[in-house]
Amino acid sequence: MGKDIFRLIPFFIVMNGTTVKQNMLQWAGMLLSTLWAGVHLDLVDAKLPNPTATLIYRVFFGFVASLAIVAAVALIQGIKKLYLPITIFYVIDFALLLETRTAPALFVGKVLPFNPYVDISLIIDAIMIVLSLALWKISK
């Protein structure tokens, strides 16, 4: 009985004619992208000393969280044409995070500190870059 269940697992996991490995990468990417969006949606309520900066950063965090949700949907649906743009999205976010931690942030005027949100985002960005590049390479 137990061996029969393990024979059925690949049958249930494989979707859209993809391999189990590719499907697992898609699911991992979807989950991480959704987590990343959740972290950034939490930042939509951030308050900064400058009211203009607060408004701009709120819109930015909401926009990038929406893009991360679109990336999650694209990954789980297996839309191969979006794997490279997803990689570019996470590379840009990774660069922006590092830039605002080493140089004064736009509209704030000072270097922003590292905090748990930044740490989580940097880790997820790095994983998503590798993961989406792997999916892009596999799907060619």
N, C-alpha and C. Protein backbone atom coordinates (compact mmCIF):
# COMPACT_ATOMS: atom_id res chain seq x y z
N MET A 1 0.83 -1.20 0.00
CA MET A 1 0.00 0.00 0.00
C MET A 1 0.87 1.26 0.00
N GLY A 2 1.89 1.33 0.87
CA GLY A 2 2.73 2.52 0.97
C GLY A 2 3.49 2.82 -0.31
N LYS A 3 3.97 1.77 -1.00
CA LYS A 3 4.72 1.98 -2.24
C LYS A 3 3.82 2.52 -3.34
N ASP A 4 2.56 2.11 -3.35
CA ASP A 4 1.63 2.60 -4.36
C ASP A 4 1.42 4.10 -4.26
N ILE A 5 1.39 4.62 -3.05
CA ILE A 5 1.20 6.06 -2.86
C ILE A 5 2.36 6.82 -3.46
N PHE A 6 3.60 6.33 -3.26
CA PHE A 6 4.76 7.02 -3.79
C PHE A 6 4.82 6.95 -5.31
N ARG A 7 4.22 5.94 -5.92
CA ARG A 7 4.15 5.88 -7.38
C ARG A 7 3.19 6.93 -7.92
N LEU A 8 2.17 7.27 -7.14
CA LEU A 8 1.17 8.23 -7.59
C LEU A 8 1.63 9.68 -7.42
N ILE A 9 2.57 9.92 -6.52
CA ILE A 9 3.00 11.30 -6.25
C ILE A 9 3.48 12.01 -7.51
N PRO A 10 4.39 11.44 -8.31
CA PRO A 10 4.79 12.15 -9.53
C PRO A 10 3.61 12.43 -10.46
N PHE A 11 2.63 11.52 -10.49
CA PHE A 11 1.46 11.73 -11.34
C PHE A 11 0.69 12.97 -10.91
N PHE A 12 0.55 13.17 -9.62
CA PHE A 12 -0.20 14.32 -9.13
C PHE A 12 0.61 15.62 -9.18
N ILE A 13 1.93 15.51 -9.09
CA ILE A 13 2.76 16.71 -9.06
C ILE A 13 2.96 17.29 -10.45
N VAL A 14 3.10 16.45 -11.46
CA VAL A 14 3.41 16.93 -12.80
C VAL A 14 2.22 17.68 -13.38
N MET A 15 2.45 18.93 -13.79
CA MET A 15 1.41 19.75 -14.40
C MET A 15 1.95 20.34 -15.70
N ASN A 16 1.07 20.62 -16.61
CA ASN A 16 1.41 21.31 -17.85
C ASN A 16 2.57 20.65 -18.61
N GLY A 17 2.74 19.36 -18.47
CA GLY A 17 3.79 18.66 -19.18
C GLY A 17 5.19 18.98 -18.68
N THR A 18 5.33 19.48 -17.47
CA THR A 18 6.65 19.81 -16.93
C THR A 18 7.17 18.63 -16.11
N THR A 19 8.47 18.63 -15.90
CA THR A 19 9.07 17.59 -15.09
C THR A 19 8.80 17.87 -13.61
N VAL A 20 9.02 16.87 -12.80
CA VAL A 20 8.82 17.03 -11.36
C VAL A 20 9.79 18.09 -10.81
N LYS A 21 11.03 18.06 -11.29
CA LYS A 21 12.03 19.03 -10.83
C LYS A 21 11.58 20.46 -11.16
N GLN A 22 11.13 20.67 -12.39
CA GLN A 22 10.68 22.00 -12.80
C GLN A 22 9.45 22.41 -12.01
N ASN A 23 8.57 21.46 -11.78
CA ASN A 23 7.35 21.75 -11.04
C ASN A 23 7.67 22.13 -9.59
N MET A 24 8.62 21.46 -8.98
CA MET A 24 9.01 21.79 -7.61
C MET A 24 9.64 23.18 -7.55
N LEU A 25 10.44 23.53 -8.56
CA LEU A 25 11.02 24.87 -8.61
C LEU A 25 9.93 25.92 -8.79
N GLN A 26 8.92 25.61 -9.60
CA GLN A 26 7.81 26.55 -9.78
C GLN A 26 7.06 26.77 -8.47
N TRP A 27 6.78 25.70 -7.75
CA TRP A 27 6.07 25.83 -6.47
C TRP A 27 6.91 26.60 -5.46
N ALA A 28 8.20 26.29 -5.39
CA ALA A 28 9.08 27.01 -4.45
C ALA A 28 9.12 28.50 -4.80
N GLY A 29 9.23 28.80 -6.09
CA GLY A 29 9.23 30.19 -6.54
C GLY A 29 7.93 30.89 -6.22
N MET A 30 6.82 30.20 -6.42
CA MET A 30 5.51 30.79 -6.12
C MET A 30 5.39 31.10 -4.64
N LEU A 31 5.80 30.17 -3.79
CA LEU A 31 5.70 30.38 -2.35
C LEU A 31 6.61 31.52 -1.88
N LEU A 32 7.84 31.54 -2.38
CA LEU A 32 8.78 32.60 -1.98
C LEU A 32 8.34 33.97 -2.50
N SER A 33 7.84 34.00 -3.73
CA SER A 33 7.37 35.26 -4.29
C SER A 33 6.16 35.79 -3.51
N THR A 34 5.29 34.89 -3.09
CA THR A 34 4.14 35.29 -2.29
C THR A 34 4.58 35.79 -0.92
N LEU A 35 5.55 35.11 -0.30
CA LEU A 35 6.10 35.57 0.98
C LEU A 35 6.73 36.95 0.83
N TRP A 36 7.47 37.13 -0.26
CA TRP A 36 8.12 38.41 -0.54
C TRP A 36 7.06 39.51 -0.67
N ALA A 37 5.96 39.21 -1.37
CA ALA A 37 4.87 40.18 -1.52
C ALA A 37 4.27 40.51 -0.16
N GLY A 38 4.11 39.50 0.68
CA GLY A 38 3.55 39.73 2.01
C GLY A 38 4.42 40.65 2.86
N VAL A 39 5.73 40.45 2.78
CA VAL A 39 6.66 41.32 3.52
C VAL A 39 6.52 42.76 3.03
N HIS A 40 6.41 42.94 1.72
CA HIS A 40 6.32 44.30 1.18
C HIS A 40 4.94 44.92 1.38
N LEU A 41 3.90 44.11 1.43
CA LEU A 41 2.57 44.66 1.74
C LEU A 41 2.52 45.18 3.17
N ASP A 42 3.27 44.54 4.05
CA ASP A 42 3.35 45.02 5.43
C ASP A 42 4.01 46.40 5.50
N LEU A 43 4.91 46.67 4.56
CA LEU A 43 5.62 47.95 4.54
C LEU A 43 4.80 49.09 3.94
N VAL A 44 3.64 48.78 3.38
CA VAL A 44 2.79 49.82 2.80
C VAL A 44 2.36 50.82 3.87
N ASP A 45 2.30 50.39 5.12
CA ASP A 45 1.91 51.28 6.22
C ASP A 45 3.09 51.99 6.87
N ALA A 46 4.27 51.89 6.28
CA ALA A 46 5.46 52.53 6.88
C ALA A 46 5.30 54.04 6.90
N LYS A 47 5.76 54.63 7.98
CA LYS A 47 5.71 56.10 8.11
C LYS A 47 7.15 56.63 8.14
N LEU A 48 7.40 57.61 7.30
CA LEU A 48 8.71 58.24 7.23
C LEU A 48 8.58 59.69 7.69
N PRO A 49 9.69 60.32 8.09
CA PRO A 49 9.61 61.71 8.56
C PRO A 49 9.07 62.68 7.50
N ASN A 50 9.37 62.42 6.25
CA ASN A 50 8.94 63.27 5.15
C ASN A 50 7.61 62.74 4.59
N PRO A 51 6.52 63.52 4.62
CA PRO A 51 5.22 63.02 4.12
C PRO A 51 5.25 62.64 2.64
N THR A 52 6.02 63.39 1.84
CA THR A 52 6.13 63.06 0.42
C THR A 52 6.81 61.72 0.24
N ALA A 53 7.88 61.49 0.99
CA ALA A 53 8.58 60.21 0.92
C ALA A 53 7.68 59.08 1.38
N THR A 54 6.88 59.32 2.40
CA THR A 54 5.95 58.29 2.89
C THR A 54 4.99 57.88 1.79
N LEU A 55 4.41 58.85 1.10
CA LEU A 55 3.47 58.55 0.02
C LEU A 55 4.15 57.80 -1.11
N ILE A 56 5.31 58.27 -1.52
CA ILE A 56 6.04 57.63 -2.63
C ILE A 56 6.42 56.20 -2.27
N TYR A 57 6.94 56.00 -1.08
CA TYR A 57 7.36 54.66 -0.67
C TYR A 57 6.16 53.73 -0.49
N ARG A 58 5.04 54.23 -0.03
CA ARG A 58 3.84 53.40 0.10
C ARG A 58 3.38 52.91 -1.26
N VAL A 59 3.34 53.81 -2.23
CA VAL A 59 2.94 53.42 -3.59
C VAL A 59 3.95 52.42 -4.16
N PHE A 60 5.23 52.68 -3.95
CA PHE A 60 6.27 51.78 -4.45
C PHE A 60 6.12 50.38 -3.86
N PHE A 61 5.97 50.28 -2.54
CA PHE A 61 5.85 48.97 -1.90
C PHE A 61 4.59 48.24 -2.37
N GLY A 62 3.50 48.96 -2.53
CA GLY A 62 2.28 48.34 -3.04
C GLY A 62 2.46 47.84 -4.46
N PHE A 63 3.14 48.64 -5.29
CA PHE A 63 3.37 48.26 -6.69
C PHE A 63 4.26 47.03 -6.79
N VAL A 64 5.38 47.02 -6.07
CA VAL A 64 6.29 45.87 -6.18
C VAL A 64 5.67 44.61 -5.56
N ALA A 65 4.84 44.78 -4.53
CA ALA A 65 4.14 43.62 -3.97
C ALA A 65 3.18 43.04 -5.00
N SER A 66 2.52 43.91 -5.75
CA SER A 66 1.63 43.45 -6.82
C SER A 66 2.41 42.72 -7.90
N LEU A 67 3.58 43.25 -8.26
CA LEU A 67 4.41 42.57 -9.26
C LEU A 67 4.87 41.20 -8.76
N ALA A 68 5.16 41.10 -7.48
CA ALA A 68 5.58 39.81 -6.92
C ALA A 68 4.43 38.80 -6.96
N ILE A 69 3.21 39.27 -6.76
CA ILE A 69 2.05 38.37 -6.85
C ILE A 69 1.86 37.91 -8.30
N VAL A 70 2.04 38.83 -9.25
CA VAL A 70 1.97 38.46 -10.67
C VAL A 70 3.07 37.44 -10.99
N ALA A 71 4.26 37.64 -10.44
CA ALA A 71 5.36 36.68 -10.65
C ALA A 71 5.00 35.32 -10.07
N ALA A 72 4.37 35.29 -8.90
CA ALA A 72 3.96 34.02 -8.29
C ALA A 72 2.96 33.30 -9.17
N VAL A 73 2.00 34.03 -9.71
CA VAL A 73 0.99 33.42 -10.59
C VAL A 73 1.66 32.92 -11.87
N ALA A 74 2.58 33.71 -12.43
CA ALA A 74 3.28 33.29 -13.65
C ALA A 74 4.10 32.03 -13.40
N LEU A 75 4.72 31.93 -12.24
CA LEU A 75 5.52 30.75 -11.92
C LEU A 75 4.65 29.51 -11.78
N ILE A 76 3.55 29.61 -11.07
CA ILE A 76 2.73 28.43 -10.83
C ILE A 76 1.99 28.02 -12.10
N GLN A 77 1.69 28.99 -12.97
CA GLN A 77 1.04 28.68 -14.25
C GLN A 77 2.04 28.17 -15.28
N GLY A 78 3.32 28.36 -15.02
CA GLY A 78 4.35 27.88 -15.94
C GLY A 78 4.47 28.74 -17.19
N ILE A 79 4.29 30.05 -17.06
CA ILE A 79 4.40 30.96 -18.20
C ILE A 79 5.89 31.22 -18.43
N LYS A 80 6.46 30.45 -19.33
CA LYS A 80 7.91 30.43 -19.52
C LYS A 80 8.47 31.76 -20.02
N LYS A 81 7.69 32.51 -20.76
CA LYS A 81 8.15 33.80 -21.29
C LYS A 81 8.40 34.82 -20.18
N LEU A 82 7.87 34.59 -19.00
CA LEU A 82 8.03 35.54 -17.90
C LEU A 82 9.14 35.16 -16.92
N TYR A 83 9.80 34.02 -17.13
CA TYR A 83 10.86 33.62 -16.20
C TYR A 83 12.02 34.62 -16.20
N LEU A 84 12.44 35.07 -17.37
CA LEU A 84 13.54 36.04 -17.43
C LEU A 84 13.12 37.40 -16.86
N PRO A 85 11.93 37.94 -17.20
CA PRO A 85 11.51 39.19 -16.54
C PRO A 85 11.39 39.07 -15.02
N ILE A 86 11.01 37.90 -14.53
CA ILE A 86 10.95 37.69 -13.08
C ILE A 86 12.35 37.79 -12.49
N THR A 87 13.33 37.20 -13.17
CA THR A 87 14.72 37.30 -12.72
C THR A 87 15.16 38.76 -12.68
N ILE A 88 14.86 39.49 -13.73
CA ILE A 88 15.24 40.90 -13.80
C ILE A 88 14.59 41.70 -12.68
N PHE A 89 13.32 41.42 -12.40
CA PHE A 89 12.60 42.09 -11.31
C PHE A 89 13.33 41.90 -9.98
N TYR A 90 13.71 40.67 -9.69
CA TYR A 90 14.37 40.40 -8.40
C TYR A 90 15.80 40.94 -8.37
N VAL A 91 16.48 40.98 -9.51
CA VAL A 91 17.83 41.58 -9.57
C VAL A 91 17.73 43.08 -9.28
N ILE A 92 16.74 43.75 -9.88
CA ILE A 92 16.56 45.18 -9.64
C ILE A 92 16.23 45.44 -8.17
N ASP A 93 15.35 44.63 -7.60
CA ASP A 93 15.01 44.83 -6.19
C ASP A 93 16.23 44.60 -5.29
N PHE A 94 17.00 43.57 -5.59
CA PHE A 94 18.22 43.28 -4.82
C PHE A 94 19.17 44.47 -4.88
N ALA A 95 19.35 45.03 -6.09
CA ALA A 95 20.24 46.18 -6.26
C ALA A 95 19.70 47.40 -5.51
N LEU A 96 18.40 47.64 -5.58
CA LEU A 96 17.81 48.79 -4.86
C LEU A 96 17.97 48.65 -3.35
N LEU A 97 17.78 47.44 -2.85
CA LEU A 97 17.95 47.22 -1.41
C LEU A 97 19.38 47.50 -0.97
N LEU A 98 20.33 46.99 -1.74
CA LEU A 98 21.74 47.23 -1.38
C LEU A 98 22.11 48.69 -1.54
N GLU A 99 21.58 49.34 -2.57
CA GLU A 99 21.90 50.75 -2.82
C GLU A 99 21.39 51.64 -1.70
N THR A 100 20.19 51.38 -1.21
CA THR A 100 19.64 52.23 -0.14
C THR A 100 20.28 51.94 1.21
N ARG A 101 21.06 50.88 1.29
CA ARG A 101 21.78 50.57 2.54
C ARG A 101 23.21 51.06 2.50
N THR A 102 23.69 51.50 1.32
CA THR A 102 25.07 51.97 1.19
C THR A 102 25.16 53.44 0.81
N ALA A 103 24.07 54.00 0.28
CA ALA A 103 24.03 55.42 -0.13
C ALA A 103 22.71 56.02 0.36
N PRO A 104 22.64 57.33 0.45
CA PRO A 104 21.39 57.95 0.90
C PRO A 104 20.20 57.57 0.00
N ALA A 105 19.11 57.19 0.63
CA ALA A 105 17.91 56.79 -0.10
C ALA A 105 17.21 58.01 -0.69
N LEU A 106 16.64 57.84 -1.85
CA LEU A 106 15.92 58.90 -2.52
C LEU A 106 14.73 59.36 -1.68
N PHE A 107 14.53 60.64 -1.57
CA PHE A 107 13.45 61.30 -0.82
C PHE A 107 13.60 61.20 0.71
N VAL A 108 14.53 60.38 1.19
CA VAL A 108 14.76 60.27 2.63
C VAL A 108 16.02 61.04 3.01
N GLY A 109 17.03 60.96 2.14
CA GLY A 109 18.25 61.73 2.34
C GLY A 109 19.27 61.11 3.27
N LYS A 110 19.05 59.88 3.69
CA LYS A 110 20.04 59.23 4.55
C LYS A 110 20.09 57.73 4.22
N VAL A 111 21.17 57.11 4.65
CA VAL A 111 21.32 55.67 4.45
C VAL A 111 20.33 54.95 5.36
N LEU A 112 19.59 54.02 4.78
CA LEU A 112 18.59 53.29 5.57
C LEU A 112 19.25 52.13 6.31
N PRO A 113 18.78 51.81 7.49
CA PRO A 113 19.40 50.73 8.28
C PRO A 113 18.94 49.35 7.82
N PHE A 114 19.74 48.36 8.16
CA PHE A 114 19.30 46.98 7.96
C PHE A 114 18.31 46.64 9.06
N ASN A 115 17.28 45.89 8.71
CA ASN A 115 16.28 45.44 9.68
C ASN A 115 15.77 44.08 9.22
N PRO A 116 14.91 43.42 9.98
CA PRO A 116 14.44 42.08 9.58
C PRO A 116 13.77 42.05 8.21
N TYR A 117 13.04 43.10 7.84
CA TYR A 117 12.41 43.14 6.52
C TYR A 117 13.45 43.12 5.41
N VAL A 118 14.51 43.87 5.60
CA VAL A 118 15.58 43.93 4.60
C VAL A 118 16.29 42.60 4.52
N ASP A 119 16.59 42.01 5.66
CA ASP A 119 17.27 40.72 5.68
C ASP A 119 16.46 39.65 4.95
N ILE A 120 15.17 39.58 5.26
CA ILE A 120 14.29 38.60 4.61
C ILE A 120 14.23 38.87 3.11
N SER A 121 14.08 40.13 2.73
CA SER A 121 13.97 40.47 1.31
C SER A 121 15.25 40.14 0.55
N LEU A 122 16.40 40.43 1.14
CA LEU A 122 17.67 40.11 0.48
C LEU A 122 17.83 38.61 0.27
N ILE A 123 17.48 37.83 1.27
CA ILE A 123 17.59 36.37 1.16
C ILE A 123 16.64 35.85 0.09
N ILE A 124 15.39 36.31 0.14
CA ILE A 124 14.41 35.85 -0.85
C ILE A 124 14.80 36.32 -2.25
N ASP A 125 15.29 37.55 -2.38
CA ASP A 125 15.74 38.04 -3.69
C ASP A 125 16.83 37.14 -4.25
N ALA A 126 17.83 36.82 -3.45
CA ALA A 126 18.93 35.98 -3.92
C ALA A 126 18.43 34.60 -4.33
N ILE A 127 17.56 34.00 -3.53
CA ILE A 127 17.02 32.68 -3.87
C ILE A 127 16.18 32.77 -5.14
N MET A 128 15.36 33.81 -5.26
CA MET A 128 14.49 33.94 -6.44
C MET A 128 15.29 34.20 -7.71
N ILE A 129 16.41 34.89 -7.61
CA ILE A 129 17.26 35.10 -8.78
C ILE A 129 17.78 33.76 -9.28
N VAL A 130 18.31 32.96 -8.37
CA VAL A 130 18.84 31.64 -8.74
C VAL A 130 17.72 30.73 -9.24
N LEU A 131 16.61 30.73 -8.53
CA LEU A 131 15.49 29.86 -8.88
C LEU A 131 14.89 30.21 -10.24
N SER A 132 14.65 31.49 -10.49
CA SER A 132 14.05 31.88 -11.77
C SER A 132 15.03 31.69 -12.92
N LEU A 133 16.32 31.89 -12.67
CA LEU A 133 17.31 31.59 -13.71
C LEU A 133 17.36 30.10 -14.02
N ALA A 134 17.27 29.27 -12.99
CA ALA A 134 17.24 27.82 -13.20
C ALA A 134 16.01 27.42 -14.01
N LEU A 135 14.86 27.97 -13.66
CA LEU A 135 13.64 27.67 -14.42
C LEU A 135 13.75 28.13 -15.86
N TRP A 136 14.31 29.31 -16.06
CA TRP A 136 14.49 29.83 -17.41
C TRP A 136 15.41 28.92 -18.22
N LYS A 137 16.49 28.46 -17.60
CA LYS A 137 17.45 27.58 -18.28
C LYS A 137 16.81 26.22 -18.58
N ILE A 138 16.07 25.66 -17.63
CA ILE A 138 15.42 24.36 -17.83
C ILE A 138 14.36 24.43 -18.92
N SER A 139 13.64 25.53 -18.98
CA SER A 139 12.50 25.63 -19.89
C SER A 139 12.89 25.97 -21.32
N LYS A 140 14.15 26.27 -21.57
CA LYS A 140 14.59 26.62 -22.93
C LYS A 140 14.38 25.50 -23.90
